[in-house]
Protein backbone atom coordinates (compact mmCIF):
# COMPACT_ATOMS: atom_id res chain seq x y z
CA MET A 1 0.00 0.00 0.00
CA THR A 2 1.15 3.39 -0.81
CA GLU A 3 1.25 5.81 1.96
CA GLU A 4 -0.48 9.10 1.31
CA THR A 5 1.44 12.13 2.20
CA PRO A 6 -0.44 13.92 4.88
CA GLY A 7 -1.58 17.45 4.00
CA PHE A 8 -0.95 17.13 0.22
CA ASP A 9 -4.57 17.42 -0.74
CA GLU A 10 -5.11 20.34 1.57
CA GLN A 11 -2.24 22.30 0.08
CA SER A 12 -3.36 21.57 -3.49
CA GLN A 13 -6.89 22.66 -2.75
CA GLN A 14 -5.96 25.94 -1.08
CA PRO A 15 -6.50 29.02 -3.34
CA ASP A 16 -3.63 31.10 -4.52
CA VAL A 17 -4.10 34.12 -2.31
CA PRO A 18 -1.54 36.45 -3.90
CA SER A 19 -2.97 35.99 -7.43
CA ASP A 20 -6.51 36.71 -6.26
CA GLU A 21 -5.46 39.90 -4.52
CA ALA A 22 -3.68 41.25 -7.65
CA GLU A 23 -6.79 41.02 -9.86
CA PRO A 24 -8.89 43.62 -8.00
CA LYS A 25 -5.96 45.99 -8.00
CA ALA A 26 -5.54 45.65 -11.78
CA ALA A 27 -9.27 46.14 -12.36
CA ALA A 28 -9.34 49.27 -10.23
CA GLN A 29 -6.75 51.07 -12.38
CA PRO A 30 -8.35 52.88 -15.46
CA SER A 31 -6.95 52.26 -18.89
CA ALA A 32 -5.10 54.90 -20.91
CA GLU A 33 -8.03 55.26 -23.36
CA GLU A 34 -10.50 55.84 -20.54
CA ALA A 35 -8.21 58.47 -19.02
CA ALA A 36 -7.87 60.24 -22.37
CA ALA A 37 -11.64 60.21 -23.10
CA PRO A 38 -12.62 63.35 -21.04
CA ALA A 39 -9.86 65.38 -22.68
CA GLY A 40 -11.11 64.34 -26.14
CA ASP A 41 -14.72 65.35 -25.29
CA THR A 42 -13.56 68.79 -24.14
CA GLY A 43 -11.72 69.33 -27.40
CA GLN A 44 -14.79 68.37 -29.43
CA GLU A 45 -16.98 70.74 -27.42
CA ALA A 46 -14.54 73.61 -28.00
CA ALA A 47 -14.53 72.87 -31.73
CA LEU A 48 -18.33 72.83 -31.82
CA VAL A 49 -18.51 76.14 -29.94
CA ALA A 50 -16.05 77.70 -32.40
CA GLN A 51 -18.11 76.45 -35.35
CA LEU A 52 -21.28 77.81 -33.74
CA ASP A 53 -19.66 81.23 -33.28
CA GLN A 54 -18.58 81.24 -36.92
CA ALA A 55 -22.11 80.33 -38.02
CA ARG A 56 -23.58 83.13 -35.90
CA THR A 57 -21.11 85.64 -37.31
CA ALA A 58 -21.91 84.57 -40.86
CA LEU A 59 -25.65 84.76 -40.12
CA ASN A 60 -25.31 88.30 -38.75
CA GLU A 61 -23.34 89.37 -41.80
CA ARG A 62 -25.91 87.90 -44.20
CA THR A 63 -28.74 89.50 -42.22
CA ALA A 64 -27.04 92.91 -42.42
CA ASP A 65 -26.51 92.46 -46.16
CA LEU A 66 -30.16 91.54 -46.62
CA GLN A 67 -31.34 94.56 -44.64
CA ARG A 68 -29.08 96.86 -46.66
CA LEU A 69 -30.35 95.41 -49.94
CA GLN A 70 -33.94 95.79 -48.77
CA ALA A 71 -33.36 99.46 -47.84
CA GLU A 72 -31.72 100.12 -51.22
CA PHE A 73 -34.64 98.48 -53.00
CA GLN A 74 -37.16 100.56 -51.07
CA ASN A 75 -35.25 103.74 -51.96
CA TYR A 76 -35.15 102.64 -55.59
CA ARG A 77 -38.91 102.06 -55.63
CA ARG A 78 -39.60 105.48 -54.11
CA ARG A 79 -37.26 107.17 -56.59
CA VAL A 80 -38.89 105.40 -59.53
CA GLU A 81 -42.37 106.32 -58.29
CA ARG A 82 -41.32 109.95 -57.81
CA ASP A 83 -39.81 110.09 -61.30
CA ARG A 84 -42.92 108.49 -62.77
CA ILE A 85 -45.16 111.10 -61.16
CA ALA A 86 -42.87 113.92 -62.32
CA VAL A 87 -42.86 112.63 -65.89
CA LYS A 88 -46.64 112.35 -65.84
CA GLU A 89 -47.04 115.89 -64.54
CA ILE A 90 -44.69 117.24 -67.21
CA ALA A 91 -46.59 115.42 -69.96
CA VAL A 92 -49.94 116.70 -68.70
CA ALA A 93 -48.56 120.23 -68.33
CA ASN A 94 -47.24 120.22 -71.89
CA LEU A 95 -50.60 119.03 -73.21
CA LEU A 96 -52.61 121.58 -71.27
CA SER A 97 -50.23 124.38 -72.25
CA GLU A 98 -51.25 123.81 -75.86
CA LEU A 99 -54.91 124.16 -74.87
CA LEU A 100 -54.54 127.48 -73.04
CA PRO A 101 -55.22 129.63 -76.18
CA VAL A 102 -58.45 127.66 -76.70
CA LEU A 103 -59.45 128.32 -73.10
CA ASP A 104 -58.71 132.03 -73.60
CA ASP A 105 -61.02 132.07 -76.62
CA VAL A 106 -63.72 130.34 -74.61
CA GLY A 107 -63.35 132.93 -71.84
CA ARG A 108 -63.61 135.87 -74.24
CA ALA A 109 -66.67 134.34 -75.90
CA ARG A 110 -68.30 133.95 -72.51
CA GLU A 111 -67.58 137.59 -71.61
CA HIS A 112 -69.17 138.82 -74.86
CA GLY A 113 -72.21 136.53 -74.58
CA GLU A 114 -71.24 134.45 -77.60
CA LEU A 115 -70.99 131.14 -75.75
CA VAL A 116 -74.32 129.67 -76.85
CA GLY A 117 -75.71 126.57 -78.52
CA GLY A 118 -73.44 123.69 -79.42
CA PHE A 119 -70.34 125.80 -78.91
CA LYS A 120 -71.33 126.23 -75.25
CA SER A 121 -71.72 122.47 -74.74
CA VAL A 122 -68.32 121.77 -76.31
CA ALA A 123 -66.65 124.49 -74.22
CA GLU A 124 -68.18 123.21 -70.98
CA SER A 125 -67.12 119.63 -71.80
CA LEU A 126 -63.58 120.83 -72.46
CA GLU A 127 -63.46 122.74 -69.18
CA THR A 128 -64.74 119.68 -67.31
CA VAL A 129 -62.07 117.42 -68.82
CA ILE A 130 -59.19 119.76 -68.06
CA ALA A 131 -60.48 120.24 -64.51
CA LYS A 132 -60.34 116.45 -64.02
CA MET A 133 -56.74 116.53 -65.24
CA GLY A 134 -55.91 118.94 -62.40
CA LEU A 135 -55.81 122.27 -64.23
CA GLN A 136 -56.81 125.18 -61.97
CA GLN A 137 -57.44 128.80 -62.94
CA PHE A 138 -56.29 131.65 -60.68
CA GLY A 139 -56.10 135.43 -60.70
CA LYS A 140 -58.70 137.82 -59.27
CA GLU A 141 -59.09 141.57 -59.19
CA GLY A 142 -58.15 143.19 -55.89
CA GLU A 143 -55.63 140.59 -54.75
CA PRO A 144 -52.09 141.70 -53.87
CA PHE A 145 -49.56 141.50 -56.68
CA ASP A 146 -47.26 138.47 -56.39
CA PRO A 147 -44.42 138.38 -58.94
CA THR A 148 -44.16 134.58 -58.61
CA ILE A 149 -47.67 134.01 -60.00
CA HIS A 150 -48.53 137.37 -61.64
CA GLU A 151 -47.13 139.06 -64.74
CA ALA A 152 -47.75 142.82 -64.79
CA LEU A 153 -48.54 144.10 -68.28
CA MET A 154 -49.96 147.50 -67.22
CA HIS A 155 -49.00 149.83 -64.40
CA SER A 156 -50.76 152.81 -62.82
CA TYR A 157 -51.19 154.70 -59.55
CA ALA A 158 -54.33 154.80 -57.43
CA PRO A 159 -55.07 156.72 -54.23
CA ASP A 160 -57.31 154.01 -52.79
CA VAL A 161 -54.70 151.21 -52.57
CA THR A 162 -52.15 150.72 -49.85
CA GLU A 163 -49.94 148.22 -51.71
CA THR A 164 -49.31 147.04 -55.24
CA THR A 165 -52.64 145.49 -56.24
CA CYS A 166 -54.04 143.67 -59.26
CA VAL A 167 -56.79 145.94 -60.56
CA ALA A 168 -57.56 144.04 -63.79
CA ILE A 169 -57.05 140.46 -65.02
CA LEU A 170 -56.00 140.55 -68.65
CA GLN A 171 -55.43 136.78 -68.90
CA PRO A 172 -56.09 134.29 -66.10
CA GLY A 173 -53.29 132.12 -64.81
CA TYR A 174 -53.31 128.33 -64.69
CA ARG A 175 -51.58 125.80 -62.45
CA ILE A 176 -51.45 122.05 -61.84
CA GLY A 177 -50.99 121.40 -58.17
CA GLU A 178 -48.02 123.56 -57.16
CA ARG A 179 -46.70 123.87 -60.74
CA THR A 180 -47.59 127.13 -62.47
CA ILE A 181 -48.40 126.55 -66.14
CA ARG A 182 -48.89 130.23 -66.95
CA PRO A 183 -48.81 133.27 -64.67
CA ALA A 184 -51.83 135.53 -64.52
CA ARG A 185 -51.32 138.57 -66.73
CA VAL A 186 -52.65 141.59 -64.89
CA ALA A 187 -52.77 145.35 -64.64
CA VAL A 188 -51.44 146.64 -61.33
CA ALA A 189 -51.83 149.86 -59.40
CA GLU A 190 -49.52 151.29 -56.77
CA PRO A 191 -50.27 153.85 -54.04
CA GLN A 192 -50.29 157.44 -55.26
CA PRO A 193 -46.88 159.07 -54.78
CA GLY A 194 -46.89 161.75 -52.07
CA ALA A 195 -50.14 160.54 -50.58
CA GLN A 196 -48.61 160.49 -47.13
CA THR A 197 -48.14 164.03 -45.77
CA VAL A 198 -45.08 165.19 -43.91
CA LYS A 199 -46.93 167.49 -41.49
CA PRO A 200 -45.97 165.51 -38.39
CA ALA A 201 -42.30 165.88 -39.29
CA GLU A 202 -42.69 169.61 -39.95
CA GLU A 203 -44.49 170.10 -36.63
CA SER A 204 -41.77 168.30 -34.75
CA THR A 205 -39.15 170.47 -36.48
CA GLU A 206 -41.02 173.63 -35.53
CA ALA A 207 -41.37 172.41 -31.97
CA GLN A 208 -37.62 171.90 -31.79
CA ASP A 209 -36.95 175.38 -33.24
CA GLU A 210 -39.26 177.34 -30.90
CA PRO A 211 -37.27 176.89 -27.67
CA ALA A 212 -34.13 178.06 -29.41
CA GLU A 213 -35.85 181.30 -30.57
CA ASN A 214 -37.22 181.94 -27.10
CA LYS A 215 -33.79 181.52 -25.62
CA GLU A 216 -32.27 183.88 -28.12
CA SER A 217 -34.96 186.50 -27.53
CA GLY A 218 -34.75 186.07 -23.75
CA GLY A 219 -31.00 186.54 -23.60
CA PRO A 220 -30.86 190.31 -24.22
CA GLU A 221 -33.81 190.98 -21.88
CA GLU A 222 -32.01 189.35 -19.02
CA GLY A 223 -28.93 191.40 -19.78
């Protein structure tokens, strides 16, 4: 019979204590990749923030460009509309200027009582059309003379006026809005020369001279 060595089985069955203790220590230490992971995330976040700032800057620049283009377009539209209105007014003014002699004939016929029958209907229709186109007549007797809208063809003096006044309308004036097509041709009268007396001035001169005479006459008496 073979003798069994006492304690052999016990030693072979005992766990290797040092190897078991080393495994937890190795598991507790982080790897190099895990240690480098937070640093990599921070770098990616910084890159994303930089890209976001660039996108915001580009967006602000494009927005400013769009606003500038919109303002320029609005100015262009207003300028075109203003030019269109000006061209229209000039065209209408040129057309109506050619009709002013006809309107003068109509006015003279009306003054002489010759505006009757079919001629009267045609004249009234013409006056209605030109009124719709914006033509306005101006110039009345008794209004002050204004060289910007009146053209003086005759001049006289009158004692009953205090300023240069239109006393007769030889040809009425016409305007479209603020644009004068033709000034009113008028006869004007000015105040009569020498209408204002100089008596107050003479009286004041005499009043100043009297004390001097009294003093001269009183001097010898006192002596």
